[in-house]
């Protein structure tokens, strides 16, 4: 039994989709969530700045005695997951990447569409994933950073309309499989499913949560701490309102932690 918390971090609200999946699979675990809203969205920032920022958050989480960290942001993962792990070799750090492998296994017409941030699409890591798991497939990648901005600004309904329009405009609904390559986009999945019932829509949230469970089981570190804490580098009232809207429930107090 290890009642230390799991740490989850993101540029803002996107990682809440991972938090929700972790809570569903591991309901008794304690969780500390850090949303770096003052610096969101990460997709517009230079990789070095993102790595520096994420490392500061990981160090904060370590001071709070976390037993595992989830970098619940595709952009932050692809620009620096090996770097974060090298700085904390004894701490399990789980990243989030688009589920290209799974998409390749289910795509019936060997055509995969992928929505992500421009940084994720341009990253060498993303290219490696596609070459390794989707060689011979047609993969169409579309950057949709505007959706991240809308979700960070509390414009959930507008983001739902816009993501449907993007899929139509880019003819992504002509593919049979769409990968949501940003944790923010999971909150738009229901709108996409309703608009495109024949489109298989995949995201990484459940897979990440199951990976967290596997690591904790292997380390004999499952726990029953049960508490939940939220921190943000941004405005606490806005962060609390946005979090409760996306999770569709009330949360505990949000604490402010500006990053120097």
C-alpha atoms as a PDB file:
ATOM      1  CA  UNK A   1       0.000   0.000   0.000  1.00  0.00           C
ATOM      2  CA  UNK A   2       1.368   3.389  -1.049  1.00  0.00           C
ATOM      3  CA  UNK A   3      -0.927   6.307  -0.291  1.00  0.00           C
ATOM      4  CA  UNK A   4       1.282   8.934  -1.889  1.00  0.00           C
ATOM      5  CA  UNK A   5      -0.489  10.839  -4.665  1.00  0.00           C
ATOM      6  CA  UNK A   6      -0.264  10.552  -8.438  1.00  0.00           C
ATOM      7  CA  UNK A   7       0.828  13.801 -10.097  1.00  0.00           C
ATOM      8  CA  UNK A   8      -0.835  14.913 -13.323  1.00  0.00           C
ATOM      9  CA  UNK A   9       0.235  18.007 -15.255  1.00  0.00           C
ATOM     10  CA  UNK A  10      -0.879  19.822 -18.371  1.00  0.00           C
ATOM     11  CA  UNK A  11      -0.755  23.256 -19.970  1.00  0.00           C
ATOM     12  CA  UNK A  12      -4.252  23.818 -18.655  1.00  0.00           C
ATOM     13  CA  UNK A  13      -7.499  21.856 -18.884  1.00  0.00           C
ATOM     14  CA  UNK A  14      -6.627  19.097 -21.369  1.00  0.00           C
ATOM     15  CA  UNK A  15      -5.078  16.789 -18.794  1.00  0.00           C
ATOM     16  CA  UNK A  16      -8.391  16.677 -16.957  1.00  0.00           C
ATOM     17  CA  UNK A  17      -9.431  14.054 -19.509  1.00  0.00           C
ATOM     18  CA  UNK A  18      -6.568  11.894 -18.236  1.00  0.00           C
ATOM     19  CA  UNK A  19      -7.489  12.657 -14.622  1.00  0.00           C
ATOM     20  CA  UNK A  20     -11.055  11.480 -15.321  1.00  0.00           C
ATOM     21  CA  UNK A  21      -9.823   8.194 -16.803  1.00  0.00           C
ATOM     22  CA  UNK A  22      -7.387   7.605 -13.941  1.00  0.00           C
ATOM     23  CA  UNK A  23     -10.181   8.258 -11.415  1.00  0.00           C
ATOM     24  CA  UNK A  24     -12.426   5.801 -13.242  1.00  0.00           C
ATOM     25  CA  UNK A  25      -9.844   3.013 -13.234  1.00  0.00           C
ATOM     26  CA  UNK A  26      -8.198   3.866  -9.891  1.00  0.00           C
ATOM     27  CA  UNK A  27     -10.959   5.560  -7.858  1.00  0.00           C
ATOM     28  CA  UNK A  28      -9.157   5.287  -4.516  1.00  0.00           C
ATOM     29  CA  UNK A  29      -5.913   6.959  -5.588  1.00  0.00           C
ATOM     30  CA  UNK A  30      -4.945  10.433  -4.392  1.00  0.00           C
ATOM     31  CA  UNK A  31      -4.225  12.894  -7.213  1.00  0.00           C
ATOM     32  CA  UNK A  32      -2.487  16.251  -7.462  1.00  0.00           C
ATOM     33  CA  UNK A  33      -3.277  18.092 -10.692  1.00  0.00           C
ATOM     34  CA  UNK A  34      -1.299  21.068 -12.004  1.00  0.00           C
ATOM     35  CA  UNK A  35      -2.677  23.163 -14.852  1.00  0.00           C
ATOM     36  CA  UNK A  36      -0.136  25.631 -16.242  1.00  0.00           C
ATOM     37  CA  UNK A  37      -2.840  28.008 -17.452  1.00  0.00           C
ATOM     38  CA  UNK A  38      -0.635  31.099 -17.288  1.00  0.00           C
ATOM     39  CA  UNK A  39       1.514  29.587 -20.030  1.00  0.00           C
ATOM     40  CA  UNK A  40      -1.208  27.898 -22.121  1.00  0.00           C
ATOM     41  CA  UNK A  41      -1.373  26.820 -24.831  1.00  0.00           C
ATOM     42  CA  UNK A  42       1.897  24.891 -25.042  1.00  0.00           C
ATOM     43  CA  UNK A  43       1.386  24.335 -28.759  1.00  0.00           C
ATOM     44  CA  UNK A  44       2.454  27.915 -29.486  1.00  0.00           C
ATOM     45  CA  UNK A  45       5.612  27.838 -27.371  1.00  0.00           C
ATOM     46  CA  UNK A  46       9.175  26.872 -28.232  1.00  0.00           C
ATOM     47  CA  UNK A  47      10.195  23.320 -27.197  1.00  0.00           C
ATOM     48  CA  UNK A  48      12.951  24.536 -24.867  1.00  0.00           C
ATOM     49  CA  UNK A  49      10.511  26.760 -22.979  1.00  0.00           C
ATOM     50  CA  UNK A  50       8.022  23.910 -22.688  1.00  0.00           C
ATOM     51  CA  UNK A  51      10.683  21.540 -21.337  1.00  0.00           C
ATOM     52  CA  UNK A  52      11.852  24.101 -18.791  1.00  0.00           C
ATOM     53  CA  UNK A  53       8.301  24.773 -17.661  1.00  0.00           C
ATOM     54  CA  UNK A  54       7.336  21.116 -17.376  1.00  0.00           C
ATOM     55  CA  UNK A  55      10.492  20.303 -15.420  1.00  0.00           C
ATOM     56  CA  UNK A  56       9.596  23.008 -12.878  1.00  0.00           C
ATOM     57  CA  UNK A  57       6.146  21.468 -12.463  1.00  0.00           C
ATOM     58  CA  UNK A  58       7.591  17.988 -12.050  1.00  0.00           C
ATOM     59  CA  UNK A  59       9.947  19.310  -9.371  1.00  0.00           C
ATOM     60  CA  UNK A  60       6.965  20.884  -7.589  1.00  0.00           C
ATOM     61  CA  UNK A  61       5.097  17.580  -7.736  1.00  0.00           C
ATOM     62  CA  UNK A  62       8.156  15.756  -6.379  1.00  0.00           C
ATOM     63  CA  UNK A  63       8.204  18.139  -3.409  1.00  0.00           C
ATOM     64  CA  UNK A  64       4.623  17.011  -2.800  1.00  0.00           C
ATOM     65  CA  UNK A  65       5.852  13.411  -2.616  1.00  0.00           C
ATOM     66  CA  UNK A  66       4.130  12.022  -5.710  1.00  0.00           C
ATOM     67  CA  UNK A  67       4.815   8.386  -6.599  1.00  0.00           C
ATOM     68  CA  UNK A  68       4.273   8.799 -10.346  1.00  0.00           C
ATOM     69  CA  UNK A  69       3.827  11.688 -12.790  1.00  0.00           C
ATOM     70  CA  UNK A  70       1.659  11.818 -15.894  1.00  0.00           C
ATOM     71  CA  UNK A  71       2.673  14.437 -18.454  1.00  0.00           C
ATOM     72  CA  UNK A  72      -0.919  14.689 -19.668  1.00  0.00           C
ATOM     73  CA  UNK A  73      -0.157  16.826 -22.701  1.00  0.00           C
ATOM     74  CA  UNK A  74       0.747  15.487 -26.129  1.00  0.00           C
ATOM     75  CA  UNK A  75       2.841  18.539 -27.010  1.00  0.00           C
ATOM     76  CA  UNK A  76       4.832  18.453 -23.762  1.00  0.00           C
ATOM     77  CA  UNK A  77       5.361  14.717 -24.197  1.00  0.00           C
ATOM     78  CA  UNK A  78       6.661  14.735 -27.744  1.00  0.00           C
ATOM     79  CA  UNK A  79       9.074  17.626 -27.164  1.00  0.00           C
ATOM     80  CA  UNK A  80      10.638  16.300 -23.981  1.00  0.00           C
ATOM     81  CA  UNK A  81       9.554  13.018 -22.384  1.00  0.00           C
ATOM     82  CA  UNK A  82      13.071  11.547 -22.454  1.00  0.00           C
ATOM     83  CA  UNK A  83      14.464  14.768 -20.972  1.00  0.00           C
ATOM     84  CA  UNK A  84      12.016  14.724 -18.047  1.00  0.00           C
ATOM     85  CA  UNK A  85      12.817  11.093 -17.326  1.00  0.00           C
ATOM     86  CA  UNK A  86      16.555  11.757 -17.423  1.00  0.00           C
ATOM     87  CA  UNK A  87      16.158  14.420 -14.735  1.00  0.00           C
ATOM     88  CA  UNK A  88      14.148  12.123 -12.418  1.00  0.00           C
ATOM     89  CA  UNK A  89      15.341   8.577 -13.137  1.00  0.00           C
ATOM     90  CA  UNK A  90      13.790   7.064 -10.018  1.00  0.00           C
ATOM     91  CA  UNK A  91      10.332   8.572 -10.648  1.00  0.00           C
ATOM     92  CA  UNK A  92       7.977   6.833 -13.092  1.00  0.00           C
ATOM     93  CA  UNK A  93       6.908   9.408 -15.706  1.00  0.00           C
ATOM     94  CA  UNK A  94       4.146   8.519 -18.143  1.00  0.00           C
ATOM     95  CA  UNK A  95       3.663  10.530 -21.315  1.00  0.00           C
ATOM     96  CA  UNK A  96       0.749  10.903 -23.714  1.00  0.00           C
ATOM     97  CA  UNK A  97       1.150  10.323 -27.440  1.00  0.00           C
ATOM     98  CA  UNK A  98      -1.423   9.899 -30.227  1.00  0.00           C
ATOM     99  CA  UNK A  99      -2.658   6.304 -30.453  1.00  0.00           C
ATOM    100  CA  UNK A 100      -1.282   5.708 -33.946  1.00  0.00           C
ATOM    101  CA  UNK A 101      -0.547   2.035 -33.264  1.00  0.00           C
ATOM    102  CA  UNK A 102      -4.112   1.350 -32.166  1.00  0.00           C
ATOM    103  CA  UNK A 103      -5.497   3.337 -35.093  1.00  0.00           C
ATOM    104  CA  UNK A 104      -3.456   1.266 -37.545  1.00  0.00           C
ATOM    105  CA  UNK A 105      -4.874  -1.912 -36.039  1.00  0.00           C
ATOM    106  CA  UNK A 106      -8.499  -0.837 -36.502  1.00  0.00           C
ATOM    107  CA  UNK A 107      -8.451   1.309 -39.670  1.00  0.00           C
ATOM    108  CA  UNK A 108     -10.261  -0.731 -42.294  1.00  0.00           C
ATOM    109  CA  UNK A 109      -9.271   1.361 -45.295  1.00  0.00           C
ATOM    110  CA  UNK A 110      -5.645   2.027 -44.268  1.00  0.00           C
ATOM    111  CA  UNK A 111      -6.452   5.713 -43.950  1.00  0.00           C
ATOM    112  CA  UNK A 112      -5.984   7.523 -40.618  1.00  0.00           C
ATOM    113  CA  UNK A 113      -6.891  11.109 -39.802  1.00  0.00           C
ATOM    114  CA  UNK A 114      -5.245  12.846 -36.873  1.00  0.00           C
ATOM    115  CA  UNK A 115      -6.127  16.090 -35.079  1.00  0.00           C
ATOM    116  CA  UNK A 116      -3.362  17.586 -32.938  1.00  0.00           C
ATOM    117  CA  UNK A 117      -1.421  20.762 -32.255  1.00  0.00           C
ATOM    118  CA  UNK A 118       1.060  22.005 -34.828  1.00  0.00           C
ATOM    119  CA  UNK A 119       3.941  21.249 -32.438  1.00  0.00           C
ATOM    120  CA  UNK A 120       2.871  17.629 -32.048  1.00  0.00           C
ATOM    121  CA  UNK A 121       2.489  17.169 -35.796  1.00  0.00           C
ATOM    122  CA  UNK A 122       5.901  18.712 -36.533  1.00  0.00           C
ATOM    123  CA  UNK A 123       7.771  16.787 -33.841  1.00  0.00           C
ATOM    124  CA  UNK A 124      10.284  14.063 -34.788  1.00  0.00           C
ATOM    125  CA  UNK A 125       8.602  11.832 -32.196  1.00  0.00           C
ATOM    126  CA  UNK A 126       5.341  11.958 -34.128  1.00  0.00           C
ATOM    127  CA  UNK A 127       7.115  11.068 -37.357  1.00  0.00           C
ATOM    128  CA  UNK A 128       8.698   8.067 -35.678  1.00  0.00           C
ATOM    129  CA  UNK A 129       5.299   6.845 -34.442  1.00  0.00           C
ATOM    130  CA  UNK A 130       3.803   7.038 -37.910  1.00  0.00           C
ATOM    131  CA  UNK A 131       6.749   5.351 -39.630  1.00  0.00           C
ATOM    132  CA  UNK A 132       6.851   2.604 -37.022  1.00  0.00           C
ATOM    133  CA  UNK A 133       3.160   1.788 -36.704  1.00  0.00           C
ATOM    134  CA  UNK A 134       1.443   3.187 -39.813  1.00  0.00           C
ATOM    135  CA  UNK A 135       3.876   2.536 -42.638  1.00  0.00           C
ATOM    136  CA  UNK A 136       1.891   2.065 -45.827  1.00  0.00           C
ATOM    137  CA  UNK A 137      -1.083   3.965 -44.432  1.00  0.00           C
ATOM    138  CA  UNK A 138      -2.395   7.293 -45.654  1.00  0.00           C
ATOM    139  CA  UNK A 139      -2.123   9.553 -42.605  1.00  0.00           C
ATOM    140  CA  UNK A 140      -3.617  13.023 -42.808  1.00  0.00           C
ATOM    141  CA  UNK A 141      -2.625  15.307 -39.941  1.00  0.00           C
ATOM    142  CA  UNK A 142      -4.494  18.527 -39.238  1.00  0.00           C
ATOM    143  CA  UNK A 143      -3.377  21.158 -36.733  1.00  0.00           C
ATOM    144  CA  UNK A 144      -6.235  22.521 -34.635  1.00  0.00           C
ATOM    145  CA  UNK A 145      -4.546  24.773 -32.061  1.00  0.00           C
ATOM    146  CA  UNK A 146      -7.555  27.109 -32.148  1.00  0.00           C
ATOM    147  CA  UNK A 147      -9.632  24.472 -30.367  1.00  0.00           C
ATOM    148  CA  UNK A 148      -7.171  24.412 -27.472  1.00  0.00           C
ATOM    149  CA  UNK A 149      -7.498  28.184 -27.112  1.00  0.00           C
ATOM    150  CA  UNK A 150     -11.284  27.966 -27.101  1.00  0.00           C
ATOM    151  CA  UNK A 151     -11.318  25.275 -24.437  1.00  0.00           C
ATOM    152  CA  UNK A 152      -8.821  27.200 -22.303  1.00  0.00           C
ATOM    153  CA  UNK A 153     -11.073  30.261 -22.603  1.00  0.00           C
ATOM    154  CA  UNK A 154     -14.166  28.341 -21.487  1.00  0.00           C
ATOM    155  CA  UNK A 155     -15.727  28.273 -24.964  1.00  0.00           C
ATOM    156  CA  UNK A 156     -16.726  24.613 -24.899  1.00  0.00           C
ATOM    157  CA  UNK A 157     -19.841  24.937 -27.058  1.00  0.00           C
ATOM    158  CA  UNK A 158     -17.981  26.959 -29.685  1.00  0.00           C
ATOM    159  CA  UNK A 159     -15.181  24.401 -29.722  1.00  0.00           C
ATOM    160  CA  UNK A 160     -17.731  21.630 -30.313  1.00  0.00           C
ATOM    161  CA  UNK A 161     -19.113  23.470 -33.334  1.00  0.00           C
ATOM    162  CA  UNK A 162     -15.675  24.306 -34.671  1.00  0.00           C
ATOM    163  CA  UNK A 163     -14.249  20.790 -34.405  1.00  0.00           C
ATOM    164  CA  UNK A 164     -17.168  19.438 -36.433  1.00  0.00           C
ATOM    165  CA  UNK A 165     -16.563  22.143 -39.038  1.00  0.00           C
ATOM    166  CA  UNK A 166     -12.830  21.345 -39.173  1.00  0.00           C
ATOM    167  CA  UNK A 167     -13.514  17.647 -39.733  1.00  0.00           C
ATOM    168  CA  UNK A 168     -15.960  18.495 -42.537  1.00  0.00           C
ATOM    169  CA  UNK A 169     -13.721  21.125 -44.138  1.00  0.00           C
ATOM    170  CA  UNK A 170     -10.689  18.823 -44.134  1.00  0.00           C
ATOM    171  CA  UNK A 171     -12.826  15.852 -45.263  1.00  0.00           C
ATOM    172  CA  UNK A 172     -11.584  13.844 -42.288  1.00  0.00           C
ATOM    173  CA  UNK A 173     -14.947  12.109 -42.143  1.00  0.00           C
ATOM    174  CA  UNK A 174     -13.966  10.331 -45.379  1.00  0.00           C
ATOM    175  CA  UNK A 175     -11.456   8.399 -43.275  1.00  0.00           C
ATOM    176  CA  UNK A 176     -12.798   5.610 -41.094  1.00  0.00           C
ATOM    177  CA  UNK A 177     -10.530   6.368 -38.129  1.00  0.00           C
ATOM    178  CA  UNK A 178      -9.834   9.712 -36.439  1.00  0.00           C
ATOM    179  CA  UNK A 179      -7.170  10.038 -33.743  1.00  0.00           C
ATOM    180  CA  UNK A 180      -7.533  12.843 -31.200  1.00  0.00           C
ATOM    181  CA  UNK A 181      -3.888  13.749 -30.680  1.00  0.00           C
ATOM    182  CA  UNK A 182      -4.423  16.323 -27.940  1.00  0.00           C
ATOM    183  CA  UNK A 183      -5.852  15.681 -24.491  1.00  0.00           C
ATOM    184  CA  UNK A 184      -8.027  18.803 -24.799  1.00  0.00           C
ATOM    185  CA  UNK A 185      -9.876  17.253 -27.731  1.00  0.00           C
ATOM    186  CA  UNK A 186     -11.270  14.394 -25.653  1.00  0.00           C
ATOM    187  CA  UNK A 187     -13.860  16.861 -24.369  1.00  0.00           C
ATOM    188  CA  UNK A 188     -15.077  17.243 -27.967  1.00  0.00           C
ATOM    189  CA  UNK A 189     -15.366  13.516 -28.653  1.00  0.00           C
ATOM    190  CA  UNK A 190     -19.095  13.292 -27.932  1.00  0.00           C
ATOM    191  CA  UNK A 191     -19.866  16.117 -30.369  1.00  0.00           C
ATOM    192  CA  UNK A 192     -17.816  14.356 -33.056  1.00  0.00           C
ATOM    193  CA  UNK A 193     -19.471  11.010 -32.407  1.00  0.00           C
ATOM    194  CA  UNK A 194     -22.910  12.576 -32.751  1.00  0.00           C
ATOM    195  CA  UNK A 195     -21.976  14.404 -35.961  1.00  0.00           C
ATOM    196  CA  UNK A 196     -20.099  11.485 -37.537  1.00  0.00           C
ATOM    197  CA  UNK A 197     -21.562   8.213 -36.221  1.00  0.00           C
ATOM    198  CA  UNK A 198     -19.649   6.098 -38.761  1.00  0.00           C
ATOM    199  CA  UNK A 199     -16.270   7.549 -37.814  1.00  0.00           C
ATOM    200  CA  UNK A 200     -14.161   5.565 -35.348  1.00  0.00           C
ATOM    201  CA  UNK A 201     -12.747   8.158 -32.933  1.00  0.00           C
ATOM    202  CA  UNK A 202      -9.774   7.200 -30.770  1.00  0.00           C
ATOM    203  CA  UNK A 203      -7.976   8.949 -27.911  1.00  0.00           C
ATOM    204  CA  UNK A 204      -5.278   7.944 -25.463  1.00  0.00           C
ATOM    205  CA  UNK A 205      -6.943   8.672 -22.103  1.00  0.00           C
ATOM    206  CA  UNK A 206      -7.964   5.117 -21.190  1.00  0.00           C
ATOM    207  CA  UNK A 207      -4.663   3.658 -22.411  1.00  0.00           C
ATOM    208  CA  UNK A 208      -2.709   6.124 -20.267  1.00  0.00           C
ATOM    209  CA  UNK A 209      -4.810   5.346 -17.202  1.00  0.00           C
ATOM    210  CA  UNK A 210      -4.234   1.615 -17.708  1.00  0.00           C
ATOM    211  CA  UNK A 211      -0.504   2.221 -18.058  1.00  0.00           C
ATOM    212  CA  UNK A 212      -0.546   4.097 -14.746  1.00  0.00           C
ATOM    213  CA  UNK A 213      -2.330   1.161 -13.129  1.00  0.00           C
ATOM    214  CA  UNK A 214       0.184  -1.345 -14.551  1.00  0.00           C
ATOM    215  CA  UNK A 215       3.147   0.633 -13.239  1.00  0.00           C
ATOM    216  CA  UNK A 216       1.645   0.995  -9.778  1.00  0.00           C
ATOM    217  CA  UNK A 217       0.757  -2.692  -9.652  1.00  0.00           C
ATOM    218  CA  UNK A 218       4.255  -3.706 -10.745  1.00  0.00           C
ATOM    219  CA  UNK A 219       5.776  -1.385  -8.124  1.00  0.00           C
ATOM    220  CA  UNK A 220       3.311  -2.578  -5.476  1.00  0.00           C
ATOM    221  CA  UNK A 221       2.349   1.067  -5.109  1.00  0.00           C
ATOM    222  CA  UNK A 222      -1.451   1.041  -5.354  1.00  0.00           C
ATOM    223  CA  UNK A 223      -2.974   3.221  -2.668  1.00  0.00           C
ATOM    224  CA  UNK A 224      -6.092   4.598  -1.048  1.00  0.00           C
ATOM    225  CA  UNK A 225      -5.117   8.204  -0.333  1.00  0.00           C
ATOM    226  CA  UNK A 226      -8.379   9.327  -1.974  1.00  0.00           C
ATOM    227  CA  UNK A 227      -7.720  13.088  -1.774  1.00  0.00           C
ATOM    228  CA  UNK A 228      -7.649  15.406  -4.778  1.00  0.00           C
ATOM    229  CA  UNK A 229      -5.786  18.718  -5.024  1.00  0.00           C
ATOM    230  CA  UNK A 230      -5.667  21.247  -7.847  1.00  0.00           C
ATOM    231  CA  UNK A 231      -2.989  23.843  -8.556  1.00  0.00           C
ATOM    232  CA  UNK A 232      -2.716  26.385 -11.350  1.00  0.00           C
ATOM    233  CA  UNK A 233      -0.227  29.022 -12.444  1.00  0.00           C
ATOM    234  CA  UNK A 234      -3.162  31.053 -13.714  1.00  0.00           C
ATOM    235  CA  UNK A 235      -6.240  32.639 -12.168  1.00  0.00           C
ATOM    236  CA  UNK A 236      -7.790  30.264  -9.635  1.00  0.00           C
ATOM    237  CA  UNK A 237     -11.426  31.285 -10.132  1.00  0.00           C
ATOM    238  CA  UNK A 238     -11.265  30.805 -13.878  1.00  0.00           C
ATOM    239  CA  UNK A 239      -9.441  27.508 -13.467  1.00  0.00           C
ATOM    240  CA  UNK A 240     -11.989  26.193 -10.989  1.00  0.00           C
ATOM    241  CA  UNK A 241     -14.910  27.210 -13.213  1.00  0.00           C
ATOM    242  CA  UNK A 242     -13.346  25.601 -16.284  1.00  0.00           C
ATOM    243  CA  UNK A 243     -12.434  22.416 -14.435  1.00  0.00           C
ATOM    244  CA  UNK A 244     -15.909  21.957 -12.986  1.00  0.00           C
ATOM    245  CA  UNK A 245     -17.476  22.581 -16.395  1.00  0.00           C
ATOM    246  CA  UNK A 246     -15.339  19.975 -18.132  1.00  0.00           C
ATOM    247  CA  UNK A 247     -15.459  17.355 -15.366  1.00  0.00           C
ATOM    248  CA  UNK A 248     -19.162  18.059 -14.787  1.00  0.00           C
ATOM    249  CA  UNK A 249     -18.727  18.010 -11.003  1.00  0.00           C
ATOM    250  CA  UNK A 250     -17.585  20.187  -8.138  1.00  0.00           C
ATOM    251  CA  UNK A 251     -13.936  20.103  -7.129  1.00  0.00           C
ATOM    252  CA  UNK A 252     -11.946  20.969  -4.045  1.00  0.00           C
ATOM    253  CA  UNK A 253     -10.133  24.257  -3.598  1.00  0.00           C
ATOM    254  CA  UNK A 254      -7.771  25.408  -6.346  1.00  0.00           C
ATOM    255  CA  UNK A 255      -4.456  26.809  -5.140  1.00  0.00           C
ATOM    256  CA  UNK A 256      -2.379  29.359  -7.022  1.00  0.00           C
ATOM    257  CA  UNK A 257       1.251  28.584  -7.761  1.00  0.00           C
ATOM    258  CA  UNK A 258       2.965  31.018 -10.143  1.00  0.00           C
ATOM    259  CA  UNK A 259       6.063  29.490 -11.710  1.00  0.00           C
ATOM    260  CA  UNK A 260       9.169  31.647 -11.548  1.00  0.00           C
END
